[in-house]
Amino acid sequence: MANIVPDAFKTNLLKGVFNFDTSGNGGNTFKCALYTSIAGYSANSTVYQTGNEVSSTNTAYPTAGKDLTNAGVAIASNIAFIDFDDLTFPSVTLTAAGAAIYKSTGGGNQLVLVLDFGGNKTATNGDFVIQFPAGNSSNAIIRLGDA
């Protein structure tokens, strides 16, 4: 499986449902949840799902994931992009095969992106880190440019 950009995100982005302004500056709050399998997600998915979410018995991993810090929207080389700070789940024991980014404010837990880690990633009594690509026009996690 590969990363998934849901169709609902694409249409809702153009309808103005998502505000990616800098965290704390009026933008929506976005969260990232971890999954043992992302098989329940597809291009037709619209919202955050609880099925296959990693176990929340470890209090260091909160059910529904953690808030992301949004570094805001930028543009370079005619490409607009969004950058999130790397996300750390400290002192956890868990295995995840993927993650979902979703908007947690404004109702609906609307899905933005599903990440496929390309296999299981594990942390044992340590930090589980999601390192986002560099925030630039060539690498950022979400980019919009000329077709």
N, C-alpha and C. Protein backbone atom coordinates (compact mmCIF):
# COMPACT_ATOMS: atom_id res chain seq x y z
N MET A 1 0.84 -1.17 0.00
CA MET A 1 0.00 0.00 0.00
C MET A 1 0.89 1.24 0.00
N ALA A 2 0.35 2.35 -0.41
CA ALA A 2 1.10 3.61 -0.46
C ALA A 2 0.35 4.67 0.34
N ASN A 3 0.96 5.83 0.50
CA ASN A 3 0.27 6.93 1.15
C ASN A 3 -1.04 7.20 0.42
N ILE A 4 -2.03 7.68 1.17
CA ILE A 4 -3.35 7.95 0.61
C ILE A 4 -3.71 9.42 0.85
N VAL A 5 -4.09 10.11 -0.22
CA VAL A 5 -4.66 11.45 -0.12
C VAL A 5 -6.14 11.29 -0.48
N PRO A 6 -7.01 11.28 0.53
CA PRO A 6 -8.42 11.01 0.29
C PRO A 6 -9.08 12.03 -0.64
N ASP A 7 -10.01 11.55 -1.45
CA ASP A 7 -10.75 12.43 -2.35
C ASP A 7 -11.50 13.51 -1.58
N ALA A 8 -12.05 13.16 -0.41
CA ALA A 8 -12.78 14.13 0.40
C ALA A 8 -11.87 15.28 0.84
N PHE A 9 -10.61 14.98 1.14
CA PHE A 9 -9.67 16.05 1.49
C PHE A 9 -9.49 17.00 0.31
N LYS A 10 -9.30 16.45 -0.87
CA LYS A 10 -9.08 17.28 -2.06
C LYS A 10 -10.26 18.22 -2.31
N THR A 11 -11.48 17.69 -2.26
CA THR A 11 -12.65 18.53 -2.52
C THR A 11 -12.89 19.52 -1.38
N ASN A 12 -12.72 19.06 -0.13
CA ASN A 12 -12.94 19.96 1.00
C ASN A 12 -11.88 21.03 1.11
N LEU A 13 -10.69 20.77 0.63
CA LEU A 13 -9.65 21.79 0.58
C LEU A 13 -10.10 22.93 -0.33
N LEU A 14 -10.64 22.58 -1.48
CA LEU A 14 -11.10 23.60 -2.43
C LEU A 14 -12.37 24.31 -1.95
N LYS A 15 -13.11 23.69 -1.03
CA LYS A 15 -14.30 24.31 -0.47
C LYS A 15 -13.98 25.17 0.76
N GLY A 16 -12.72 25.21 1.16
CA GLY A 16 -12.32 26.04 2.29
C GLY A 16 -12.57 25.42 3.65
N VAL A 17 -12.69 24.10 3.71
CA VAL A 17 -12.96 23.41 4.96
C VAL A 17 -11.72 23.37 5.86
N PHE A 18 -10.55 23.37 5.28
CA PHE A 18 -9.30 23.25 6.04
C PHE A 18 -8.57 24.58 6.08
N ASN A 19 -8.04 24.93 7.26
CA ASN A 19 -7.23 26.13 7.43
C ASN A 19 -5.88 25.69 7.98
N PHE A 20 -4.86 25.74 7.15
CA PHE A 20 -3.52 25.30 7.53
C PHE A 20 -2.64 26.43 8.04
N ASP A 21 -3.25 27.55 8.45
CA ASP A 21 -2.45 28.62 9.02
C ASP A 21 -1.68 28.10 10.22
N THR A 22 -0.64 28.77 10.60
CA THR A 22 0.25 28.36 11.69
C THR A 22 -0.53 28.04 12.96
N SER A 23 -0.13 26.96 13.63
CA SER A 23 -0.73 26.61 14.92
C SER A 23 -0.69 27.82 15.84
N GLY A 24 -1.81 28.10 16.50
CA GLY A 24 -1.89 29.24 17.40
C GLY A 24 -2.20 30.55 16.71
N ASN A 25 -2.34 30.52 15.37
CA ASN A 25 -2.60 31.73 14.62
C ASN A 25 -3.92 31.63 13.86
N GLY A 26 -4.87 30.88 14.41
CA GLY A 26 -6.17 30.77 13.78
C GLY A 26 -6.37 29.56 12.90
N GLY A 27 -5.32 28.80 12.67
CA GLY A 27 -5.45 27.60 11.85
C GLY A 27 -6.15 26.48 12.61
N ASN A 28 -6.64 25.50 11.88
CA ASN A 28 -7.25 24.32 12.50
C ASN A 28 -6.21 23.54 13.29
N THR A 29 -6.69 22.73 14.23
CA THR A 29 -5.82 21.79 14.93
C THR A 29 -5.83 20.49 14.17
N PHE A 30 -4.64 19.95 13.91
CA PHE A 30 -4.50 18.68 13.22
C PHE A 30 -3.84 17.69 14.17
N LYS A 31 -4.27 16.44 14.08
CA LYS A 31 -3.73 15.38 14.92
C LYS A 31 -3.16 14.28 14.04
N CYS A 32 -2.34 13.45 14.68
CA CYS A 32 -1.76 12.30 14.00
C CYS A 32 -1.98 11.08 14.89
N ALA A 33 -2.64 10.07 14.34
CA ALA A 33 -2.91 8.82 15.05
C ALA A 33 -2.12 7.70 14.39
N LEU A 34 -1.69 6.72 15.18
CA LEU A 34 -0.89 5.59 14.69
C LEU A 34 -1.74 4.34 14.55
N TYR A 35 -1.37 3.49 13.58
CA TYR A 35 -2.15 2.29 13.28
C TYR A 35 -1.27 1.06 13.10
N THR A 36 -1.79 -0.08 13.53
CA THR A 36 -1.10 -1.35 13.30
C THR A 36 -1.29 -1.79 11.86
N SER A 37 -2.35 -1.30 11.21
CA SER A 37 -2.62 -1.55 9.80
C SER A 37 -3.45 -0.39 9.27
N ILE A 38 -3.14 0.06 8.06
CA ILE A 38 -3.93 1.14 7.44
C ILE A 38 -4.89 0.59 6.40
N ALA A 39 -5.09 -0.74 6.40
CA ALA A 39 -5.94 -1.39 5.40
C ALA A 39 -7.37 -0.87 5.43
N GLY A 40 -7.83 -0.31 6.54
CA GLY A 40 -9.19 0.21 6.62
C GLY A 40 -9.38 1.54 5.91
N TYR A 41 -8.30 2.15 5.48
CA TYR A 41 -8.37 3.45 4.80
C TYR A 41 -8.25 3.26 3.29
N SER A 42 -8.91 4.16 2.55
CA SER A 42 -8.81 4.17 1.08
C SER A 42 -9.01 5.60 0.60
N ALA A 43 -8.94 5.81 -0.70
CA ALA A 43 -9.18 7.14 -1.26
C ALA A 43 -10.61 7.62 -0.96
N ASN A 44 -11.52 6.70 -0.64
CA ASN A 44 -12.90 7.06 -0.32
C ASN A 44 -13.11 7.39 1.15
N SER A 45 -12.09 7.21 1.98
CA SER A 45 -12.22 7.49 3.41
C SER A 45 -12.40 8.99 3.63
N THR A 46 -13.16 9.33 4.66
CA THR A 46 -13.44 10.74 4.91
C THR A 46 -13.03 11.22 6.30
N VAL A 47 -12.96 10.30 7.28
CA VAL A 47 -12.72 10.71 8.67
C VAL A 47 -11.72 9.79 9.37
N TYR A 48 -11.20 10.27 10.48
CA TYR A 48 -10.35 9.49 11.38
C TYR A 48 -11.13 8.26 11.81
N GLN A 49 -10.46 7.10 11.85
CA GLN A 49 -11.07 5.85 12.26
C GLN A 49 -10.33 5.28 13.47
N THR A 50 -11.07 4.56 14.31
CA THR A 50 -10.45 3.96 15.48
C THR A 50 -9.99 2.53 15.21
N GLY A 51 -10.51 1.87 14.19
CA GLY A 51 -10.13 0.49 13.89
C GLY A 51 -8.64 0.39 13.57
N ASN A 52 -7.97 -0.55 14.17
CA ASN A 52 -6.54 -0.82 13.98
C ASN A 52 -5.63 0.25 14.58
N GLU A 53 -6.19 1.19 15.36
CA GLU A 53 -5.32 2.17 16.02
C GLU A 53 -4.48 1.43 17.06
N VAL A 54 -3.23 1.86 17.24
CA VAL A 54 -2.37 1.17 18.20
C VAL A 54 -3.00 1.21 19.58
N SER A 55 -2.61 0.28 20.42
CA SER A 55 -3.18 0.14 21.75
C SER A 55 -2.97 1.40 22.57
N SER A 56 -4.03 1.81 23.24
CA SER A 56 -3.92 2.98 24.10
C SER A 56 -3.70 2.58 25.56
N THR A 57 -3.36 1.30 25.80
CA THR A 57 -3.10 0.87 27.17
C THR A 57 -1.82 1.51 27.70
N ASN A 58 -0.93 1.88 26.81
CA ASN A 58 0.27 2.61 27.22
C ASN A 58 -0.12 4.09 27.27
N THR A 59 -0.12 4.67 28.46
CA THR A 59 -0.60 6.04 28.61
C THR A 59 0.23 7.06 27.83
N ALA A 60 1.40 6.67 27.37
CA ALA A 60 2.21 7.59 26.58
C ALA A 60 1.67 7.74 25.16
N TYR A 61 0.81 6.80 24.72
CA TYR A 61 0.14 6.95 23.44
C TYR A 61 -1.34 7.21 23.72
N PRO A 62 -1.78 8.46 23.52
CA PRO A 62 -3.19 8.78 23.80
C PRO A 62 -4.09 8.30 22.66
N THR A 63 -5.25 7.75 23.02
CA THR A 63 -6.23 7.39 22.01
C THR A 63 -6.51 8.61 21.13
N ALA A 64 -6.57 8.40 19.83
CA ALA A 64 -6.79 9.45 18.82
C ALA A 64 -5.52 10.21 18.48
N GLY A 65 -4.38 9.80 19.03
CA GLY A 65 -3.11 10.40 18.65
C GLY A 65 -2.80 11.70 19.36
N LYS A 66 -1.87 12.45 18.77
CA LYS A 66 -1.40 13.70 19.37
C LYS A 66 -1.56 14.85 18.39
N ASP A 67 -1.65 16.06 18.95
CA ASP A 67 -1.71 17.26 18.12
C ASP A 67 -0.40 17.46 17.37
N LEU A 68 -0.53 17.91 16.14
CA LEU A 68 0.63 18.29 15.35
C LEU A 68 0.85 19.80 15.48
N THR A 69 2.10 20.22 15.40
CA THR A 69 2.41 21.64 15.34
C THR A 69 2.60 21.99 13.88
N ASN A 70 1.73 22.87 13.41
CA ASN A 70 1.74 23.27 12.01
C ASN A 70 2.62 24.51 11.86
N ALA A 71 3.64 24.41 11.03
CA ALA A 71 4.54 25.52 10.80
C ALA A 71 3.97 26.52 9.79
N GLY A 72 2.76 26.24 9.29
CA GLY A 72 2.09 27.18 8.40
C GLY A 72 2.27 26.86 6.93
N VAL A 73 1.75 27.77 6.12
CA VAL A 73 1.76 27.64 4.67
C VAL A 73 2.85 28.55 4.12
N ALA A 74 3.59 28.04 3.16
CA ALA A 74 4.63 28.83 2.51
C ALA A 74 4.55 28.57 1.01
N ILE A 75 5.29 29.35 0.25
CA ILE A 75 5.34 29.13 -1.20
C ILE A 75 6.75 29.39 -1.69
N ALA A 76 7.20 28.55 -2.59
CA ALA A 76 8.50 28.70 -3.24
C ALA A 76 8.42 28.00 -4.59
N SER A 77 9.03 28.58 -5.59
CA SER A 77 9.06 27.99 -6.94
C SER A 77 7.64 27.66 -7.43
N ASN A 78 6.68 28.54 -7.15
CA ASN A 78 5.28 28.37 -7.57
C ASN A 78 4.61 27.16 -6.96
N ILE A 79 5.12 26.66 -5.84
CA ILE A 79 4.53 25.53 -5.14
C ILE A 79 4.23 25.95 -3.71
N ALA A 80 2.95 25.83 -3.33
CA ALA A 80 2.55 26.10 -1.95
C ALA A 80 2.73 24.80 -1.17
N PHE A 81 3.15 24.93 0.09
CA PHE A 81 3.38 23.73 0.88
C PHE A 81 3.10 23.97 2.35
N ILE A 82 2.89 22.85 3.05
CA ILE A 82 2.59 22.85 4.47
C ILE A 82 3.65 22.00 5.17
N ASP A 83 4.09 22.47 6.31
CA ASP A 83 5.09 21.73 7.07
C ASP A 83 4.61 21.53 8.50
N PHE A 84 4.74 20.31 8.98
CA PHE A 84 4.46 20.01 10.39
C PHE A 84 5.79 19.72 11.08
N ASP A 85 5.88 20.10 12.36
CA ASP A 85 7.05 19.71 13.16
C ASP A 85 7.04 18.20 13.34
N ASP A 86 8.23 17.61 13.47
CA ASP A 86 8.31 16.18 13.77
C ASP A 86 7.50 15.90 15.03
N LEU A 87 6.94 14.70 15.12
CA LEU A 87 6.08 14.34 16.24
C LEU A 87 6.69 13.19 17.01
N THR A 88 6.80 13.34 18.32
CA THR A 88 7.37 12.31 19.17
C THR A 88 6.34 11.79 20.16
N PHE A 89 6.22 10.47 20.22
CA PHE A 89 5.46 9.79 21.26
C PHE A 89 6.52 9.25 22.22
N PRO A 90 6.76 9.93 23.35
CA PRO A 90 7.88 9.57 24.22
C PRO A 90 7.59 8.35 25.10
N SER A 91 8.62 7.59 25.36
CA SER A 91 8.59 6.47 26.31
C SER A 91 7.44 5.51 26.06
N VAL A 92 7.33 5.03 24.82
CA VAL A 92 6.25 4.11 24.48
C VAL A 92 6.81 2.75 24.07
N THR A 93 5.95 1.77 24.15
CA THR A 93 6.21 0.46 23.56
C THR A 93 5.06 0.21 22.61
N LEU A 94 5.35 0.28 21.33
CA LEU A 94 4.29 0.10 20.33
C LEU A 94 4.90 -0.24 18.98
N THR A 95 4.06 -0.80 18.13
CA THR A 95 4.42 -1.07 16.74
C THR A 95 3.36 -0.44 15.86
N ALA A 96 3.78 0.30 14.85
CA ALA A 96 2.84 0.95 13.93
C ALA A 96 3.27 0.73 12.50
N ALA A 97 2.28 0.53 11.63
CA ALA A 97 2.52 0.36 10.20
C ALA A 97 2.18 1.62 9.41
N GLY A 98 1.50 2.56 10.07
CA GLY A 98 1.12 3.78 9.38
C GLY A 98 0.48 4.77 10.33
N ALA A 99 0.05 5.89 9.76
CA ALA A 99 -0.53 6.97 10.56
C ALA A 99 -1.59 7.70 9.74
N ALA A 100 -2.46 8.39 10.44
CA ALA A 100 -3.45 9.23 9.78
C ALA A 100 -3.35 10.64 10.35
N ILE A 101 -3.37 11.62 9.47
CA ILE A 101 -3.42 13.02 9.86
C ILE A 101 -4.85 13.48 9.60
N TYR A 102 -5.44 14.12 10.60
CA TYR A 102 -6.81 14.58 10.44
C TYR A 102 -7.03 15.88 11.19
N LYS A 103 -8.05 16.62 10.75
CA LYS A 103 -8.43 17.88 11.38
C LYS A 103 -9.31 17.56 12.58
N SER A 104 -8.89 17.99 13.77
CA SER A 104 -9.64 17.64 14.97
C SER A 104 -10.49 18.79 15.50
N THR A 105 -10.45 19.95 14.85
CA THR A 105 -11.29 21.07 15.26
C THR A 105 -12.38 21.30 14.23
N GLY A 106 -13.45 21.91 14.65
CA GLY A 106 -14.53 22.23 13.73
C GLY A 106 -15.46 21.08 13.44
N GLY A 107 -15.31 19.98 14.16
CA GLY A 107 -16.21 18.84 14.01
C GLY A 107 -15.83 17.90 12.88
N GLY A 108 -16.17 16.67 13.07
CA GLY A 108 -16.06 15.69 12.01
C GLY A 108 -14.78 14.91 11.89
N ASN A 109 -13.69 15.33 12.55
CA ASN A 109 -12.41 14.61 12.45
C ASN A 109 -12.08 14.26 11.01
N GLN A 110 -12.08 15.26 10.15
CA GLN A 110 -11.92 15.08 8.71
C GLN A 110 -10.49 14.69 8.34
N LEU A 111 -10.40 13.62 7.56
CA LEU A 111 -9.13 13.03 7.17
C LEU A 111 -8.38 13.92 6.18
N VAL A 112 -7.07 14.04 6.38
CA VAL A 112 -6.20 14.80 5.49
C VAL A 112 -5.32 13.86 4.68
N LEU A 113 -4.65 12.94 5.35
CA LEU A 113 -3.63 12.12 4.71
C LEU A 113 -3.41 10.85 5.53
N VAL A 114 -3.19 9.75 4.84
CA VAL A 114 -2.84 8.49 5.50
C VAL A 114 -1.43 8.12 5.05
N LEU A 115 -0.56 7.90 6.03
CA LEU A 115 0.84 7.59 5.76
C LEU A 115 1.09 6.09 5.89
N ASP A 116 1.73 5.53 4.91
CA ASP A 116 2.15 4.13 4.94
C ASP A 116 3.63 4.11 5.27
N PHE A 117 4.00 3.50 6.39
CA PHE A 117 5.40 3.46 6.80
C PHE A 117 6.21 2.45 6.01
N GLY A 118 5.58 1.68 5.14
CA GLY A 118 6.30 0.69 4.33
C GLY A 118 6.71 -0.54 5.12
N GLY A 119 6.05 -0.77 6.24
CA GLY A 119 6.36 -1.90 7.11
C GLY A 119 6.21 -1.45 8.55
N ASN A 120 6.29 -2.40 9.45
CA ASN A 120 6.14 -2.09 10.87
C ASN A 120 7.35 -1.34 11.41
N LYS A 121 7.06 -0.33 12.21
CA LYS A 121 8.08 0.44 12.93
C LYS A 121 7.77 0.27 14.41
N THR A 122 8.81 0.02 15.20
CA THR A 122 8.61 -0.32 16.61
C THR A 122 9.45 0.56 17.52
N ALA A 123 8.87 0.87 18.68
CA ALA A 123 9.61 1.50 19.77
C ALA A 123 9.37 0.64 21.01
N THR A 124 10.44 0.35 21.74
CA THR A 124 10.33 -0.45 22.95
C THR A 124 10.89 0.37 24.11
N ASN A 125 9.99 0.82 24.98
CA ASN A 125 10.37 1.69 26.09
C ASN A 125 11.24 2.84 25.62
N GLY A 126 10.83 3.44 24.51
CA GLY A 126 11.59 4.55 23.95
C GLY A 126 10.68 5.48 23.16
N ASP A 127 11.30 6.38 22.44
CA ASP A 127 10.55 7.36 21.66
C ASP A 127 10.17 6.79 20.30
N PHE A 128 8.93 7.03 19.90
CA PHE A 128 8.47 6.73 18.55
C PHE A 128 8.34 8.08 17.87
N VAL A 129 9.14 8.30 16.82
CA VAL A 129 9.22 9.61 16.18
C VAL A 129 8.73 9.52 14.74
N ILE A 130 7.84 10.43 14.39
CA ILE A 130 7.46 10.60 12.99
C ILE A 130 8.20 11.83 12.50
N GLN A 131 9.13 11.60 11.61
CA GLN A 131 9.94 12.69 11.07
C GLN A 131 9.36 13.09 9.72
N PHE A 132 8.82 14.29 9.67
CA PHE A 132 8.24 14.78 8.42
C PHE A 132 9.34 15.26 7.49
N PRO A 133 9.09 15.17 6.18
CA PRO A 133 10.10 15.63 5.22
C PRO A 133 10.36 17.13 5.40
N ALA A 134 11.47 17.57 4.84
CA ALA A 134 11.83 18.98 4.92
C ALA A 134 10.69 19.84 4.39
N GLY A 135 10.43 20.95 5.07
CA GLY A 135 9.37 21.86 4.66
C GLY A 135 9.82 22.77 3.55
N ASN A 136 9.80 22.25 2.34
CA ASN A 136 10.15 23.06 1.17
C ASN A 136 9.34 22.62 -0.04
N SER A 137 9.48 23.30 -1.13
CA SER A 137 8.65 23.06 -2.30
C SER A 137 8.90 21.71 -2.96
N SER A 138 10.01 21.07 -2.65
CA SER A 138 10.33 19.77 -3.26
C SER A 138 9.97 18.58 -2.38
N ASN A 139 9.87 18.80 -1.07
CA ASN A 139 9.76 17.67 -0.16
C ASN A 139 8.62 17.70 0.85
N ALA A 140 8.00 18.83 1.09
CA ALA A 140 7.01 18.95 2.16
C ALA A 140 5.92 17.88 2.05
N ILE A 141 5.33 17.54 3.18
CA ILE A 141 4.33 16.46 3.25
C ILE A 141 3.10 16.76 2.39
N ILE A 142 2.70 18.03 2.30
CA ILE A 142 1.59 18.43 1.43
C ILE A 142 2.07 19.57 0.56
N ARG A 143 1.94 19.38 -0.76
CA ARG A 143 2.39 20.39 -1.73
C ARG A 143 1.34 20.55 -2.81
N LEU A 144 1.16 21.80 -3.24
CA LEU A 144 0.26 22.11 -4.35
C LEU A 144 1.03 22.95 -5.35
N GLY A 145 1.06 22.49 -6.59
CA GLY A 145 1.78 23.23 -7.61
C GLY A 145 1.09 23.14 -8.95
N ASP A 146 1.76 23.66 -9.94
CA ASP A 146 1.23 23.60 -11.29
C ASP A 146 1.18 22.17 -11.77
N ALA A 147 0.14 21.87 -12.55
CA ALA A 147 -0.01 20.50 -13.09
C ALA A 147 0.92 20.30 -14.26
